[in-house]
Amino acid sequence: METDIRSLKRIGSGTVEASALPEWAAADLARASIATNTRRAYAAALRKFERAAYPETDAGVAAYLGRLYEEGRSFACAAQVVAALRFRAKLRGQPSPVGTATARVLAGFRRQAQGRGRGQVTGVRWEQADRAMEMAEGRGDLRGLRDAAILAVASDALLRVSEMTALDVSDVSLTEQTVRIRHSKTDQEGEGSVQYLGKPTVERVRVWLDAAGLTAGALFRAVRKGQPHGERLSVRSLRKIIGKRTRAAGASGRLSGHSLRVGSAQSLATAGASLVEMQVAGRWQSPAMPGRYAQGQLAQQGAVARLRYGTEWSSPEPPAP
């Protein structure tokens, strides 16, 4: 029986014969090996590839990438198509359609398409994050207290929005000043990790929990008519909250749910953290990503700045709102 990303949705629907269950179970486990957001992105990329009606062969994929380049798409878009096709082939137990021709076209795409795409998000560093928290909680309403706690936890623990939406009250230890991340993009095995929270962050979480009367379940929830509701905030809602609160505090540029994570990496670099320390703090798989986020701060503390000019660089204060 052929299995792919779309057909996997049928598992548990009662439409699969008993004799096929072991195969479906294996396919479901394979599907669970990647993050939910990645599965969605792969599915979208595959739909576009199929609509374009290119053959699922090395030559066909290479030709499709050429079309994407001519349309002005970014390298990330092309790389996602290739990754999705490889994953689907693996899921089906078939040879990958990605071969030498595709690899060469993708390499050329990368060189020629530099600068395309939306670019790096704007980082919201510690000082500006603190200002956004103070402004949010300054209103004194439940939504403001919640948002201040969201900003504080995300900034201290360098959380992805997908990690924040999954947090439960039990994941935060107010006495040990920690938050437990049970599952993340780079922790597909679900081993989990524990991140430190500063005293001001712990206090903001405590105030939010007390005001909302929460003792269990989702940590960050919707607030309607001044009262908390049972459903946890979605990734989309968290992105909107972070964007709204940080803009109100004077942040500008391309802000997203990732901005606090990027900004904390930049603040760590400014404070003198090594790339390995930044990697550990943000749970990145390699130091390359935090190095990219903080390349400006790292350059200003590099060998030429220190040894030729003897400078000690400190981050400028963000503009007042």
Protein backbone atom coordinates (compact mmCIF):
# COMPACT_ATOMS: atom_id res chain seq x y z
CA MET A 1 0.00 0.00 0.00
CA GLU A 2 1.38 3.38 -0.99
CA THR A 3 1.69 5.89 1.84
CA ASP A 4 2.41 9.59 1.67
CA ILE A 5 1.93 12.69 3.76
CA ARG A 6 -1.71 13.14 2.78
CA SER A 7 -2.80 9.54 3.12
CA LEU A 8 -1.31 9.32 6.61
CA LYS A 9 -4.15 11.50 7.82
CA ARG A 10 -6.45 8.49 7.38
CA ILE A 11 -4.88 6.56 10.21
CA GLY A 12 -7.35 5.95 12.99
CA SER A 13 -10.30 6.94 10.80
CA GLY A 14 -11.54 3.36 10.52
CA THR A 15 -10.91 3.18 6.78
CA VAL A 16 -7.74 1.09 6.99
CA GLU A 17 -7.99 -2.71 6.83
CA ALA A 18 -6.64 -4.67 9.80
CA SER A 19 -4.03 -6.41 7.66
CA ALA A 20 -2.55 -3.04 6.74
CA LEU A 21 -2.28 -1.72 10.31
CA PRO A 22 1.42 -2.59 10.88
CA GLU A 23 2.35 -0.68 7.72
CA TRP A 24 0.21 2.26 8.73
CA ALA A 25 1.67 2.24 12.22
CA ALA A 26 5.19 2.35 10.79
CA ALA A 27 4.21 5.17 8.45
CA ASP A 28 2.66 7.11 11.31
CA LEU A 29 5.85 6.76 13.35
CA ALA A 30 7.90 7.98 10.38
CA ARG A 31 5.57 10.94 9.99
CA ALA A 32 6.01 11.76 13.68
CA SER A 33 9.79 11.93 13.25
CA ILE A 34 9.56 15.55 12.09
CA ALA A 35 7.98 18.55 13.79
CA THR A 36 4.35 19.47 13.09
CA ASN A 37 5.24 22.79 11.47
CA THR A 38 7.80 21.03 9.27
CA ARG A 39 5.16 18.52 8.13
CA ARG A 40 2.84 21.36 7.21
CA ALA A 41 5.57 23.16 5.27
CA TYR A 42 6.49 19.95 3.44
CA ALA A 43 2.85 19.29 2.56
CA ALA A 44 2.46 22.79 1.13
CA ALA A 45 5.68 22.46 -0.89
CA LEU A 46 4.56 19.09 -2.29
CA ARG A 47 1.16 20.45 -3.31
CA LYS A 48 2.82 23.24 -5.28
CA PHE A 49 5.21 20.79 -6.92
CA GLU A 50 2.35 18.52 -7.93
CA ARG A 51 0.29 21.40 -9.32
CA ALA A 52 3.24 22.40 -11.49
CA ALA A 53 3.05 18.91 -13.10
CA TYR A 54 6.79 18.28 -13.33
CA PRO A 55 7.86 14.61 -13.30
CA GLU A 56 9.12 13.37 -9.95
CA THR A 57 12.54 12.54 -11.36
CA ASP A 58 15.98 14.07 -10.93
CA ALA A 59 15.62 15.99 -14.19
CA GLY A 60 12.05 17.02 -13.36
CA VAL A 61 12.94 18.33 -9.92
CA ALA A 62 15.93 20.21 -11.35
CA ALA A 63 13.68 21.82 -13.95
CA TYR A 64 11.17 22.81 -11.27
CA LEU A 65 13.91 24.47 -9.24
CA GLY A 66 14.87 26.41 -12.35
CA ARG A 67 11.32 27.64 -12.62
CA LEU A 68 11.35 28.74 -8.97
CA TYR A 69 14.55 30.68 -9.62
CA GLU A 70 13.02 32.45 -12.61
CA GLU A 71 9.99 33.34 -10.47
CA GLY A 72 12.30 35.09 -8.01
CA ARG A 73 11.85 32.62 -5.16
CA SER A 74 14.38 32.32 -2.34
CA PHE A 75 16.89 29.52 -1.84
CA ALA A 76 15.02 28.46 1.31
CA CYS A 77 11.92 27.85 -0.81
CA ALA A 78 13.87 25.64 -3.23
CA ALA A 79 15.62 23.75 -0.43
CA GLN A 80 12.28 23.03 1.23
CA VAL A 81 10.94 21.42 -1.94
CA VAL A 82 13.99 19.16 -2.14
CA ALA A 83 13.70 18.20 1.53
CA ALA A 84 9.97 17.46 1.17
CA LEU A 85 10.52 15.23 -1.86
CA ARG A 86 13.29 13.34 -0.08
CA PHE A 87 11.10 12.83 2.98
CA ARG A 88 8.14 11.59 0.93
CA ALA A 89 10.34 9.12 -0.90
CA LYS A 90 11.68 7.84 2.41
CA LEU A 91 8.16 7.56 3.78
CA ARG A 92 7.13 5.50 0.76
CA GLY A 93 10.22 3.34 0.87
CA GLN A 94 11.19 4.48 -2.62
CA PRO A 95 14.43 5.88 -4.07
CA SER A 96 14.75 9.64 -3.74
CA PRO A 97 14.11 11.60 -6.95
CA VAL A 98 16.84 14.03 -5.88
CA GLY A 99 20.03 13.25 -7.74
CA THR A 100 23.10 14.87 -9.26
CA ALA A 101 21.18 17.24 -11.53
CA THR A 102 19.04 18.55 -8.70
CA ALA A 103 22.05 18.93 -6.41
CA ARG A 104 23.92 21.00 -9.01
CA VAL A 105 20.93 23.24 -9.72
CA LEU A 106 20.33 23.73 -5.98
CA ALA A 107 23.98 24.69 -5.45
CA GLY A 108 23.76 27.23 -8.26
CA PHE A 109 20.45 28.50 -6.87
CA ARG A 110 22.14 29.13 -3.53
CA ARG A 111 24.97 31.16 -5.08
CA GLN A 112 22.82 33.19 -7.44
CA ALA A 113 19.84 33.85 -5.17
CA GLN A 114 21.67 35.48 -2.28
CA GLY A 115 19.63 38.30 -0.80
CA ARG A 116 16.29 36.89 -1.88
CA GLY A 117 13.60 36.11 0.65
CA ARG A 118 12.38 38.01 3.67
CA GLY A 119 15.74 38.04 5.41
CA GLN A 120 16.54 37.74 9.09
CA VAL A 121 13.97 38.83 11.62
CA THR A 122 14.71 41.82 13.83
CA GLY A 123 16.02 40.85 17.24
CA VAL A 124 14.42 42.30 20.36
CA ARG A 125 17.25 42.51 22.87
CA TRP A 126 17.02 42.34 26.64
CA GLU A 127 16.65 46.08 27.27
CA GLN A 128 13.82 46.46 24.80
CA ALA A 129 12.15 43.24 25.95
CA ASP A 130 12.22 44.54 29.52
CA ARG A 131 10.60 47.78 28.39
CA ALA A 132 7.86 45.84 26.58
CA MET A 133 7.17 43.79 29.74
CA GLU A 134 6.91 46.89 31.90
CA MET A 135 4.53 48.54 29.48
CA ALA A 136 2.35 45.41 29.26
CA GLU A 137 2.04 44.85 33.00
CA GLY A 138 1.69 48.58 33.63
CA ARG A 139 -1.90 48.42 32.39
CA GLY A 140 -2.77 46.21 35.37
CA ASP A 141 -5.26 44.05 33.46
CA LEU A 142 -5.10 40.26 33.13
CA ARG A 143 -4.11 40.31 29.47
CA GLY A 144 -1.22 42.65 30.20
CA LEU A 145 0.02 40.45 33.06
CA ARG A 146 -0.14 37.41 30.80
CA ASP A 147 1.71 39.14 27.99
CA ALA A 148 4.46 40.34 30.34
CA ALA A 149 4.97 36.74 31.48
CA ILE A 150 5.05 35.54 27.86
CA LEU A 151 7.72 38.06 26.89
CA ALA A 152 9.79 37.31 30.00
CA VAL A 153 9.79 33.52 29.60
CA ALA A 154 10.48 33.71 25.85
CA SER A 155 13.38 36.13 26.35
CA ASP A 156 15.05 34.27 29.24
CA ALA A 157 14.69 30.77 27.79
CA LEU A 158 15.15 31.72 24.09
CA LEU A 159 11.95 29.88 23.27
CA ARG A 160 10.44 29.19 19.89
CA VAL A 161 6.73 30.01 19.70
CA SER A 162 5.98 26.33 19.08
CA GLU A 163 7.65 25.57 22.43
CA MET A 164 5.76 28.34 24.22
CA THR A 165 2.33 27.19 23.11
CA ALA A 166 3.08 23.71 24.49
CA LEU A 167 4.03 24.89 27.98
CA ASP A 168 1.95 23.73 30.95
CA VAL A 169 1.82 25.24 34.43
CA SER A 170 3.68 22.17 35.70
CA ASP A 171 6.61 22.91 33.38
CA VAL A 172 7.57 25.98 35.40
CA SER A 173 9.29 25.63 38.77
CA LEU A 174 8.96 28.88 40.67
CA THR A 175 11.25 27.67 43.45
CA GLU A 176 14.05 26.39 41.19
CA GLN A 177 13.58 29.23 38.66
CA THR A 178 13.39 26.91 35.68
CA VAL A 179 11.13 26.02 32.78
CA ARG A 180 11.03 22.53 31.27
CA ILE A 181 10.72 22.22 27.49
CA ARG A 182 9.28 18.78 26.88
CA HIS A 183 9.60 18.71 23.11
CA SER A 184 11.11 20.99 20.47
CA LYS A 185 12.13 21.29 16.85
CA THR A 186 15.67 20.05 17.56
CA ASP A 187 14.56 17.44 20.13
CA GLN A 188 12.47 15.04 18.10
CA GLU A 189 13.11 12.22 20.58
CA GLY A 190 11.35 14.20 23.31
CA GLU A 191 14.23 14.05 25.79
CA GLY A 192 13.38 17.55 26.95
CA SER A 193 15.55 20.30 28.41
CA VAL A 194 15.48 22.68 31.36
CA GLN A 195 16.13 26.42 30.98
CA TYR A 196 16.87 29.06 33.61
CA LEU A 197 14.45 31.87 34.44
CA GLY A 198 15.57 35.05 36.22
CA LYS A 199 13.87 36.23 39.40
CA PRO A 200 11.90 39.01 37.63
CA THR A 201 10.61 36.44 35.12
CA VAL A 202 9.59 34.02 37.87
CA GLU A 203 7.75 36.83 39.63
CA ARG A 204 5.90 37.77 36.43
CA VAL A 205 4.83 34.15 35.95
CA ARG A 206 3.72 33.98 39.59
CA VAL A 207 1.65 37.16 39.26
CA TRP A 208 0.00 35.85 36.07
CA LEU A 209 -0.85 32.47 37.63
CA ASP A 210 -2.26 34.05 40.79
CA ALA A 211 -4.32 36.63 38.91
CA ALA A 212 -5.69 34.00 36.50
CA GLY A 213 -6.21 31.39 39.23
CA LEU A 214 -4.27 28.75 37.31
CA THR A 215 -2.84 25.66 39.01
CA ALA A 216 -2.68 23.17 36.13
CA GLY A 217 -3.04 22.84 32.36
CA ALA A 218 -1.90 25.28 29.71
CA LEU A 219 0.40 28.03 31.00
CA PHE A 220 -0.52 30.69 28.44
CA ARG A 221 -4.21 30.93 27.60
CA ALA A 222 -6.69 33.18 25.89
CA VAL A 223 -8.22 35.97 27.97
CA ARG A 224 -11.78 37.03 27.18
CA LYS A 225 -13.76 39.67 29.04
CA GLY A 226 -11.08 39.77 31.70
CA GLN A 227 -11.22 36.04 32.38
CA PRO A 228 -8.85 33.20 31.32
CA HIS A 229 -10.22 30.48 29.06
CA GLY A 230 -9.22 26.84 28.87
CA GLU A 231 -7.65 26.74 25.43
CA ARG A 232 -3.93 27.38 25.15
CA LEU A 233 -2.72 30.23 22.96
CA SER A 234 -1.90 29.21 19.42
CA VAL A 235 1.39 29.86 17.65
CA ARG A 236 -0.34 32.53 15.60
CA SER A 237 -1.70 34.28 18.70
CA LEU A 238 1.70 34.25 20.39
CA ARG A 239 3.31 35.79 17.31
CA LYS A 240 0.73 38.58 17.30
CA ILE A 241 1.22 39.26 21.02
CA ILE A 242 5.01 39.43 20.71
CA GLY A 243 4.81 41.70 17.68
CA LYS A 244 2.23 44.00 19.24
CA ARG A 245 3.98 44.37 22.59
CA THR A 246 7.48 44.87 21.22
CA ARG A 247 6.31 47.43 18.66
CA ALA A 248 4.58 49.35 21.44
CA ALA A 249 7.95 49.44 23.23
CA GLY A 250 9.65 51.02 20.22
CA ALA A 251 10.91 47.98 18.29
CA SER A 252 10.74 48.19 14.51
CA GLY A 253 11.73 46.21 11.46
CA ARG A 254 10.69 42.65 10.64
CA LEU A 255 9.31 41.50 13.99
CA SER A 256 8.02 37.98 14.53
CA GLY A 257 7.58 35.36 17.22
CA HIS A 258 11.28 34.64 16.72
CA SER A 259 12.39 38.17 17.59
CA LEU A 260 12.87 37.59 21.33
CA ARG A 261 14.92 34.46 20.64
CA VAL A 262 17.13 36.27 18.13
CA GLY A 263 17.45 39.31 20.39
CA SER A 264 18.52 37.21 23.37
CA ALA A 265 21.22 35.60 21.23
CA GLN A 266 22.43 39.06 20.27
CA SER A 267 22.38 40.21 23.90
CA LEU A 268 24.34 37.14 24.95
CA ALA A 269 26.97 37.91 22.32
CA THR A 270 27.19 41.50 23.52
CA ALA A 271 27.66 40.27 27.09
CA GLY A 272 30.60 38.13 25.97
CA ALA A 273 29.02 34.67 25.63
CA SER A 274 30.85 32.23 23.39
CA LEU A 275 29.16 30.67 20.37
CA VAL A 276 28.95 27.35 22.22
CA GLU A 277 27.28 29.04 25.19
CA MET A 278 24.80 30.69 22.84
CA GLN A 279 24.17 27.36 21.11
CA VAL A 280 23.42 25.66 24.42
CA ALA A 281 21.17 28.50 25.62
CA GLY A 282 19.08 28.39 22.46
CA ARG A 283 19.28 24.61 21.95
CA TRP A 284 20.54 25.00 18.40
CA GLN A 285 22.03 21.95 16.71
CA SER A 286 25.19 23.86 15.81
CA PRO A 287 26.77 27.23 16.67
CA ALA A 288 26.28 28.40 13.08
CA MET A 289 22.74 29.73 13.61
CA PRO A 290 23.39 31.88 16.71
CA GLY A 291 26.56 33.02 14.98
CA ARG A 292 24.48 34.22 12.07
CA TYR A 293 21.96 35.98 14.30
CA ALA A 294 24.67 37.80 16.26
CA GLN A 295 27.22 38.33 13.51
CA GLY A 296 27.18 42.10 13.99
CA GLN A 297 27.79 41.89 17.73
CA LEU A 298 30.47 39.22 17.30
CA ALA A 299 32.28 41.27 14.64
CA GLN A 300 32.45 44.30 16.94
CA GLN A 301 34.10 42.14 19.58
CA GLY A 302 36.37 40.32 17.14
CA ALA A 303 40.15 40.17 16.92
CA VAL A 304 40.59 43.35 14.84
CA ALA A 305 38.38 45.41 17.18
CA ARG A 306 40.12 44.16 20.31
CA LEU A 307 43.72 43.73 19.20
CA ARG A 308 44.20 46.46 16.63
CA TYR A 309 41.97 49.14 18.10
CA GLY A 310 41.67 48.02 21.71
CA THR A 311 37.97 48.68 21.74
CA GLU A 312 35.44 47.36 24.19
CA TRP A 313 32.11 47.49 22.49
CA SER A 314 28.79 47.73 24.31
CA SER A 315 25.32 47.58 22.82
CA PRO A 316 23.75 51.01 22.27
CA GLU A 317 20.53 51.71 24.10
CA PRO A 318 17.48 51.12 21.90
CA PRO A 319 15.62 54.31 20.98
CA ALA A 320 12.95 55.47 23.38
CA PRO A 321 9.42 54.78 22.17
